[in-house]
Amino acid sequence: MKLNELTLPRGSRKKRKRIGRGKGTGSGETAGKGTKGQNSRSGGGVHLGFEGGQMPLQRRIPKRGFTNIFKKQYEIINIKNLKYFKPGELISDETLRKSGLLKKAHAVKLLGEGETSYPVKIKVNKASQTAKKKIESAGGEIEIVSW
């Protein structure tokens, strides 16, 4: 037996039922949809979530919480990510975007994960206490810019 001689067993593939192709096919005229009613019409049927007039589940369950539209979104940068910059170089959100460390146009927050051995000057919108200590102990500066 060869791969090109393989065939499917008889009866494993069923032909599609072609509805609405005349009375002789057995499912012509009403096309298997019955007589009259909402579901027999073209485009008929109920919308998603409809429960026959009963109050839908979406409306029955209690709603909780809310979304604060004034919430500030911060994009996180760690000290370990600053290794890609030269010592003494001014790092701002533009340079961080160019380097690919920032993706969205959110405020930037510096966190203290990692170590730095050389001084850097960085402009961010927010910085943690550990990040401030680590940057200043290496001889660098952090400038907090309002968002």
N, C-alpha and C. Protein backbone atom coordinates (compact mmCIF):
# COMPACT_ATOMS: atom_id res chain seq x y z
N MET A 1 0.84 -1.19 0.00
CA MET A 1 0.00 0.00 0.00
C MET A 1 0.88 1.24 0.00
N LYS A 2 0.48 2.23 -0.82
CA LYS A 2 1.23 3.48 -0.92
C LYS A 2 0.36 4.63 -0.41
N LEU A 3 1.00 5.73 -0.07
CA LEU A 3 0.26 6.88 0.45
C LEU A 3 -0.78 7.40 -0.54
N ASN A 4 -0.46 7.34 -1.84
CA ASN A 4 -1.41 7.84 -2.83
C ASN A 4 -2.57 6.87 -3.08
N GLU A 5 -2.50 5.68 -2.48
CA GLU A 5 -3.57 4.71 -2.65
C GLU A 5 -4.54 4.70 -1.46
N LEU A 6 -4.24 5.50 -0.42
CA LEU A 6 -5.10 5.53 0.76
C LEU A 6 -6.42 6.21 0.43
N THR A 7 -7.51 5.65 0.91
CA THR A 7 -8.83 6.24 0.71
C THR A 7 -9.59 6.19 2.03
N LEU A 8 -10.58 7.04 2.14
CA LEU A 8 -11.43 7.04 3.33
C LEU A 8 -12.38 5.85 3.28
N PRO A 9 -12.75 5.30 4.44
CA PRO A 9 -13.70 4.18 4.45
C PRO A 9 -15.09 4.64 4.00
N ARG A 10 -15.85 3.72 3.39
CA ARG A 10 -17.19 4.06 2.91
C ARG A 10 -18.08 4.49 4.07
N GLY A 11 -18.82 5.59 3.86
CA GLY A 11 -19.75 6.06 4.87
C GLY A 11 -19.15 7.03 5.88
N SER A 12 -17.85 7.27 5.79
CA SER A 12 -17.24 8.18 6.76
C SER A 12 -17.48 9.64 6.38
N ARG A 13 -17.76 9.90 5.11
CA ARG A 13 -18.06 11.26 4.65
C ARG A 13 -19.52 11.32 4.24
N LYS A 14 -20.29 12.24 4.86
CA LYS A 14 -21.70 12.36 4.53
C LYS A 14 -21.89 13.58 3.64
N LYS A 15 -22.74 13.45 2.62
CA LYS A 15 -23.00 14.56 1.71
C LYS A 15 -23.85 15.62 2.41
N ARG A 16 -23.62 16.88 2.08
CA ARG A 16 -24.35 17.99 2.65
C ARG A 16 -25.80 17.95 2.19
N LYS A 17 -26.74 18.27 3.09
CA LYS A 17 -28.15 18.31 2.75
C LYS A 17 -28.45 19.64 2.06
N ARG A 18 -28.85 19.58 0.79
CA ARG A 18 -29.11 20.81 0.02
C ARG A 18 -30.58 21.17 0.18
N ILE A 19 -30.85 22.11 1.10
CA ILE A 19 -32.25 22.47 1.37
C ILE A 19 -32.72 23.58 0.44
N GLY A 20 -34.03 23.62 0.23
CA GLY A 20 -34.61 24.67 -0.60
C GLY A 20 -34.33 24.50 -2.07
N ARG A 21 -34.24 23.25 -2.56
CA ARG A 21 -33.94 23.02 -3.96
C ARG A 21 -35.08 22.27 -4.66
N GLY A 22 -36.30 22.58 -4.26
CA GLY A 22 -37.44 21.98 -4.92
C GLY A 22 -38.08 20.86 -4.13
N LYS A 23 -39.37 20.56 -4.47
CA LYS A 23 -40.14 19.56 -3.73
C LYS A 23 -39.58 18.15 -3.89
N GLY A 24 -38.97 17.87 -4.99
CA GLY A 24 -38.45 16.53 -5.25
C GLY A 24 -37.31 16.14 -4.32
N THR A 25 -36.66 17.08 -3.72
CA THR A 25 -35.51 16.76 -2.84
C THR A 25 -35.96 16.33 -1.46
N GLY A 26 -37.21 16.57 -1.11
CA GLY A 26 -37.69 16.20 0.21
C GLY A 26 -37.63 17.35 1.20
N SER A 27 -36.87 18.38 0.88
CA SER A 27 -36.83 19.55 1.78
C SER A 27 -36.90 20.83 0.95
N GLY A 28 -37.88 20.86 0.05
CA GLY A 28 -38.09 22.06 -0.74
C GLY A 28 -39.14 22.92 -0.08
N GLU A 29 -39.76 23.79 -0.80
CA GLU A 29 -40.85 24.65 -0.36
C GLU A 29 -40.51 25.45 0.90
N THR A 30 -40.61 24.85 2.10
CA THR A 30 -40.29 25.60 3.34
C THR A 30 -38.83 25.40 3.76
N ALA A 31 -38.09 24.62 3.00
CA ALA A 31 -36.66 24.41 3.21
C ALA A 31 -36.32 23.89 4.60
N GLY A 32 -37.18 23.03 5.16
CA GLY A 32 -36.88 22.41 6.44
C GLY A 32 -37.06 23.34 7.63
N LYS A 33 -37.71 24.50 7.40
CA LYS A 33 -37.88 25.46 8.50
C LYS A 33 -39.29 25.45 9.07
N GLY A 34 -40.13 24.54 8.59
CA GLY A 34 -41.51 24.50 9.07
C GLY A 34 -42.36 25.56 8.38
N THR A 35 -43.59 25.73 8.86
CA THR A 35 -44.50 26.68 8.25
C THR A 35 -44.68 27.90 9.14
N LYS A 36 -44.53 29.06 8.59
CA LYS A 36 -44.72 30.35 9.28
C LYS A 36 -43.88 30.49 10.54
N GLY A 37 -43.97 31.60 11.17
CA GLY A 37 -43.27 31.83 12.42
C GLY A 37 -41.98 32.62 12.24
N GLN A 38 -41.47 33.10 13.36
CA GLN A 38 -40.29 33.98 13.35
C GLN A 38 -39.06 33.31 12.74
N ASN A 39 -38.85 32.06 13.06
CA ASN A 39 -37.63 31.39 12.59
C ASN A 39 -37.70 30.91 11.15
N SER A 40 -38.89 30.95 10.56
CA SER A 40 -38.99 30.53 9.17
C SER A 40 -38.67 31.67 8.22
N ARG A 41 -38.71 32.89 8.72
CA ARG A 41 -38.46 34.06 7.87
C ARG A 41 -36.97 34.27 7.64
N SER A 42 -36.66 34.97 6.55
CA SER A 42 -35.25 35.29 6.30
C SER A 42 -34.80 36.34 7.30
N GLY A 43 -33.68 36.12 7.92
CA GLY A 43 -33.20 37.06 8.94
C GLY A 43 -33.92 36.90 10.25
N GLY A 44 -34.79 35.89 10.36
CA GLY A 44 -35.57 35.71 11.58
C GLY A 44 -34.77 35.07 12.68
N GLY A 45 -35.35 35.01 13.85
CA GLY A 45 -34.68 34.41 15.00
C GLY A 45 -34.55 35.43 16.10
N VAL A 46 -34.16 35.00 17.27
CA VAL A 46 -34.07 35.90 18.42
C VAL A 46 -32.63 36.37 18.59
N HIS A 47 -32.47 37.49 19.25
CA HIS A 47 -31.13 38.03 19.48
C HIS A 47 -30.39 37.25 20.55
N LEU A 48 -29.10 37.43 20.61
CA LEU A 48 -28.25 36.73 21.56
C LEU A 48 -28.64 37.09 22.99
N GLY A 49 -28.85 36.11 23.82
CA GLY A 49 -29.21 36.36 25.21
C GLY A 49 -30.70 36.39 25.46
N PHE A 50 -31.52 36.27 24.41
CA PHE A 50 -32.97 36.28 24.57
C PHE A 50 -33.42 34.99 25.22
N GLU A 51 -34.28 35.08 26.26
CA GLU A 51 -34.72 33.90 26.99
C GLU A 51 -36.23 33.75 26.96
N GLY A 52 -36.84 34.04 25.82
CA GLY A 52 -38.27 33.83 25.66
C GLY A 52 -39.13 34.77 26.48
N GLY A 53 -38.66 35.95 26.76
CA GLY A 53 -39.45 36.92 27.52
C GLY A 53 -39.08 36.93 29.00
N GLN A 54 -38.44 35.86 29.47
CA GLN A 54 -37.93 35.85 30.85
C GLN A 54 -36.82 36.89 30.97
N MET A 55 -36.64 37.47 32.15
CA MET A 55 -35.58 38.47 32.34
C MET A 55 -34.23 37.81 32.07
N PRO A 56 -33.46 38.30 31.09
CA PRO A 56 -32.20 37.66 30.72
C PRO A 56 -31.18 37.66 31.86
N LEU A 57 -30.31 36.67 31.84
CA LEU A 57 -29.30 36.51 32.88
C LEU A 57 -28.45 37.77 33.01
N GLN A 58 -28.11 38.38 31.90
CA GLN A 58 -27.28 39.59 31.90
C GLN A 58 -27.93 40.71 32.73
N ARG A 59 -29.24 40.76 32.74
CA ARG A 59 -29.95 41.81 33.48
C ARG A 59 -30.32 41.36 34.89
N ARG A 60 -30.30 40.02 35.15
CA ARG A 60 -30.68 39.51 36.48
C ARG A 60 -29.56 39.64 37.49
N ILE A 61 -28.32 39.42 37.04
CA ILE A 61 -27.22 39.40 38.00
C ILE A 61 -26.86 40.82 38.45
N PRO A 62 -26.42 40.99 39.71
CA PRO A 62 -26.12 42.34 40.20
C PRO A 62 -24.87 42.92 39.55
N LYS A 63 -24.89 44.21 39.38
CA LYS A 63 -23.74 44.92 38.81
C LYS A 63 -22.95 45.52 39.96
N ARG A 64 -21.63 45.36 39.91
CA ARG A 64 -20.80 45.89 41.01
C ARG A 64 -19.60 46.63 40.47
N GLY A 65 -19.10 47.55 41.27
CA GLY A 65 -17.88 48.25 40.94
C GLY A 65 -18.08 49.35 39.91
N PHE A 66 -17.00 50.06 39.65
CA PHE A 66 -17.05 51.10 38.63
C PHE A 66 -15.66 51.32 38.10
N THR A 67 -15.54 52.02 36.96
CA THR A 67 -14.25 52.31 36.35
C THR A 67 -13.96 53.79 36.50
N ASN A 68 -12.85 54.10 37.12
CA ASN A 68 -12.45 55.49 37.31
C ASN A 68 -11.86 56.01 36.00
N ILE A 69 -12.53 56.98 35.39
CA ILE A 69 -12.06 57.50 34.11
C ILE A 69 -10.88 58.45 34.27
N PHE A 70 -10.58 58.86 35.50
CA PHE A 70 -9.48 59.77 35.75
C PHE A 70 -8.22 59.05 36.25
N LYS A 71 -8.25 57.70 36.24
CA LYS A 71 -7.12 56.92 36.73
C LYS A 71 -5.90 57.15 35.84
N LYS A 72 -4.74 57.35 36.48
CA LYS A 72 -3.51 57.54 35.71
C LYS A 72 -2.90 56.18 35.40
N GLN A 73 -2.54 55.99 34.15
CA GLN A 73 -1.92 54.74 33.72
C GLN A 73 -0.41 54.97 33.68
N TYR A 74 0.36 54.08 34.31
CA TYR A 74 1.81 54.19 34.31
C TYR A 74 2.42 53.02 33.56
N GLU A 75 3.45 53.32 32.79
CA GLU A 75 4.23 52.27 32.16
C GLU A 75 5.48 52.09 33.02
N ILE A 76 5.80 50.86 33.35
CA ILE A 76 6.85 50.56 34.32
C ILE A 76 8.20 50.37 33.63
N ILE A 77 9.22 51.03 34.20
CA ILE A 77 10.60 50.84 33.77
C ILE A 77 11.40 50.50 35.03
N ASN A 78 12.24 49.48 34.97
CA ASN A 78 13.09 49.11 36.10
C ASN A 78 14.51 49.60 35.85
N ILE A 79 15.27 49.72 36.93
CA ILE A 79 16.66 50.18 36.83
C ILE A 79 17.47 49.23 35.96
N LYS A 80 17.15 47.95 36.01
CA LYS A 80 17.90 46.98 35.19
C LYS A 80 17.76 47.24 33.70
N ASN A 81 16.68 47.94 33.28
CA ASN A 81 16.47 48.27 31.87
C ASN A 81 17.34 49.45 31.40
N LEU A 82 17.93 50.17 32.35
CA LEU A 82 18.73 51.35 31.98
C LEU A 82 20.14 50.99 31.54
N LYS A 83 20.48 49.71 31.53
CA LYS A 83 21.82 49.27 31.13
C LYS A 83 22.09 49.52 29.65
N TYR A 84 21.02 49.78 28.86
CA TYR A 84 21.17 50.01 27.43
C TYR A 84 21.64 51.43 27.11
N PHE A 85 21.68 52.29 28.12
CA PHE A 85 22.06 53.69 27.91
C PHE A 85 23.47 53.95 28.41
N LYS A 86 24.12 54.95 27.78
CA LYS A 86 25.50 55.29 28.14
C LYS A 86 25.55 56.05 29.46
N PRO A 87 26.67 55.97 30.19
CA PRO A 87 26.80 56.72 31.44
C PRO A 87 26.70 58.22 31.19
N GLY A 88 25.92 58.91 32.06
CA GLY A 88 25.78 60.35 31.95
C GLY A 88 24.77 60.80 30.91
N GLU A 89 24.22 59.88 30.12
CA GLU A 89 23.25 60.24 29.08
C GLU A 89 21.92 60.63 29.72
N LEU A 90 21.26 61.66 29.16
CA LEU A 90 19.95 62.09 29.66
C LEU A 90 18.89 61.14 29.09
N ILE A 91 18.16 60.48 30.01
CA ILE A 91 17.13 59.52 29.61
C ILE A 91 15.77 60.15 29.87
N SER A 92 14.98 60.31 28.81
CA SER A 92 13.62 60.85 28.94
C SER A 92 12.65 59.88 28.29
N ASP A 93 11.35 60.22 28.31
CA ASP A 93 10.38 59.29 27.72
C ASP A 93 10.58 59.15 26.21
N GLU A 94 11.12 60.21 25.54
CA GLU A 94 11.38 60.10 24.09
C GLU A 94 12.48 59.06 23.82
N THR A 95 13.57 59.13 24.61
CA THR A 95 14.67 58.18 24.40
C THR A 95 14.25 56.75 24.78
N LEU A 96 13.39 56.64 25.80
CA LEU A 96 12.89 55.32 26.18
C LEU A 96 12.00 54.73 25.09
N ARG A 97 11.19 55.57 24.43
CA ARG A 97 10.35 55.12 23.33
C ARG A 97 11.18 54.68 22.13
N LYS A 98 12.23 55.48 21.82
CA LYS A 98 13.10 55.14 20.69
C LYS A 98 13.82 53.82 20.91
N SER A 99 14.18 53.56 22.18
CA SER A 99 14.90 52.32 22.48
C SER A 99 13.96 51.11 22.51
N GLY A 100 12.64 51.35 22.53
CA GLY A 100 11.68 50.26 22.52
C GLY A 100 11.26 49.80 23.90
N LEU A 101 11.68 50.51 24.96
CA LEU A 101 11.30 50.12 26.32
C LEU A 101 9.87 50.57 26.66
N LEU A 102 9.38 51.60 25.98
CA LEU A 102 8.02 52.07 26.19
C LEU A 102 7.19 51.76 24.96
N LYS A 103 5.97 51.33 25.17
CA LYS A 103 5.09 50.99 24.06
C LYS A 103 3.97 52.01 23.89
N LYS A 104 3.32 52.39 25.00
CA LYS A 104 2.14 53.25 24.92
C LYS A 104 2.47 54.65 25.43
N ALA A 105 1.56 55.57 25.21
CA ALA A 105 1.77 56.96 25.62
C ALA A 105 1.22 57.19 27.03
N HIS A 106 1.71 56.38 27.99
CA HIS A 106 1.32 56.55 29.38
C HIS A 106 2.44 57.28 30.12
N ALA A 107 2.14 57.64 31.37
CA ALA A 107 3.17 58.21 32.23
C ALA A 107 4.19 57.11 32.57
N VAL A 108 5.40 57.52 32.90
CA VAL A 108 6.48 56.56 33.15
C VAL A 108 6.80 56.52 34.64
N LYS A 109 6.88 55.31 35.20
CA LYS A 109 7.26 55.14 36.60
C LYS A 109 8.51 54.27 36.66
N LEU A 110 9.50 54.74 37.40
CA LEU A 110 10.76 54.02 37.56
C LEU A 110 10.72 53.22 38.85
N LEU A 111 11.00 51.92 38.75
CA LEU A 111 11.05 51.04 39.93
C LEU A 111 12.47 50.57 40.16
N GLY A 112 12.76 50.10 41.36
CA GLY A 112 14.13 49.82 41.77
C GLY A 112 14.62 48.40 41.57
N GLU A 113 14.06 47.62 40.67
CA GLU A 113 14.53 46.26 40.45
C GLU A 113 15.81 46.30 39.61
N GLY A 114 16.86 45.67 40.10
CA GLY A 114 18.14 45.66 39.40
C GLY A 114 19.12 46.63 40.03
N GLU A 115 20.31 46.70 39.45
CA GLU A 115 21.38 47.56 39.97
C GLU A 115 21.95 48.41 38.85
N THR A 116 22.52 49.54 39.21
CA THR A 116 23.25 50.37 38.25
C THR A 116 24.59 50.74 38.87
N SER A 117 25.65 50.67 38.06
CA SER A 117 26.99 50.94 38.59
C SER A 117 27.52 52.28 38.11
N TYR A 118 26.83 52.93 37.18
CA TYR A 118 27.30 54.21 36.65
C TYR A 118 26.18 55.26 36.77
N PRO A 119 26.54 56.55 36.80
CA PRO A 119 25.53 57.59 36.98
C PRO A 119 24.70 57.82 35.71
N VAL A 120 23.40 58.00 35.90
CA VAL A 120 22.50 58.33 34.79
C VAL A 120 21.60 59.49 35.22
N LYS A 121 21.21 60.28 34.23
CA LYS A 121 20.24 61.36 34.47
C LYS A 121 18.95 60.91 33.80
N ILE A 122 17.88 60.86 34.57
CA ILE A 122 16.62 60.34 34.03
C ILE A 122 15.45 61.25 34.39
N LYS A 123 14.58 61.47 33.41
CA LYS A 123 13.35 62.25 33.60
C LYS A 123 12.18 61.29 33.53
N VAL A 124 11.45 61.15 34.65
CA VAL A 124 10.27 60.28 34.69
C VAL A 124 9.13 61.01 35.38
N ASN A 125 7.93 60.43 35.33
CA ASN A 125 6.77 61.03 35.97
C ASN A 125 6.65 60.62 37.42
N LYS A 126 7.19 59.45 37.75
CA LYS A 126 7.15 58.95 39.12
C LYS A 126 8.31 57.99 39.33
N ALA A 127 8.79 57.90 40.58
CA ALA A 127 9.87 56.96 40.89
C ALA A 127 9.67 56.43 42.31
N SER A 128 9.99 55.16 42.51
CA SER A 128 9.88 54.58 43.85
C SER A 128 11.06 55.03 44.70
N GLN A 129 10.92 54.87 46.02
CA GLN A 129 11.98 55.28 46.95
C GLN A 129 13.27 54.48 46.71
N THR A 130 13.15 53.17 46.47
CA THR A 130 14.34 52.35 46.24
C THR A 130 15.04 52.76 44.95
N ALA A 131 14.27 53.12 43.93
CA ALA A 131 14.86 53.55 42.66
C ALA A 131 15.63 54.85 42.88
N LYS A 132 15.06 55.78 43.64
CA LYS A 132 15.74 57.06 43.93
C LYS A 132 17.05 56.81 44.65
N LYS A 133 17.02 55.94 45.67
CA LYS A 133 18.23 55.65 46.45
C LYS A 133 19.32 55.05 45.57
N LYS A 134 18.95 54.08 44.73
CA LYS A 134 19.94 53.39 43.89
C LYS A 134 20.56 54.32 42.85
N ILE A 135 19.74 55.17 42.22
CA ILE A 135 20.25 56.10 41.21
C ILE A 135 21.16 57.13 41.86
N GLU A 136 20.74 57.70 42.99
CA GLU A 136 21.53 58.73 43.67
C GLU A 136 22.81 58.17 44.29
N SER A 137 22.77 56.90 44.76
CA SER A 137 23.98 56.30 45.32
C SER A 137 25.01 56.02 44.23
N ALA A 138 24.58 55.84 42.98
CA ALA A 138 25.50 55.64 41.86
C ALA A 138 26.00 56.98 41.30
N GLY A 139 25.47 58.10 41.84
CA GLY A 139 25.91 59.41 41.39
C GLY A 139 25.03 60.00 40.31
N GLY A 140 23.86 59.42 40.09
CA GLY A 140 22.96 59.91 39.05
C GLY A 140 21.91 60.86 39.60
N GLU A 141 21.04 61.34 38.71
CA GLU A 141 19.97 62.26 39.10
C GLU A 141 18.64 61.77 38.57
N ILE A 142 17.58 62.02 39.37
CA ILE A 142 16.21 61.73 38.92
C ILE A 142 15.44 63.04 38.93
N GLU A 143 14.83 63.36 37.79
CA GLU A 143 13.99 64.55 37.70
C GLU A 143 12.55 64.09 37.52
N ILE A 144 11.68 64.52 38.43
CA ILE A 144 10.25 64.15 38.36
C ILE A 144 9.53 65.21 37.52
N VAL A 145 8.95 64.76 36.41
CA VAL A 145 8.24 65.65 35.49
C VAL A 145 6.75 65.39 35.65
N SER A 146 5.93 66.45 35.70
CA SER A 146 4.48 66.26 35.85
C SER A 146 3.89 65.70 34.56
N TRP A 147 2.85 64.93 34.69
CA TRP A 147 2.22 64.24 33.55
C TRP A 147 1.06 65.04 33.02
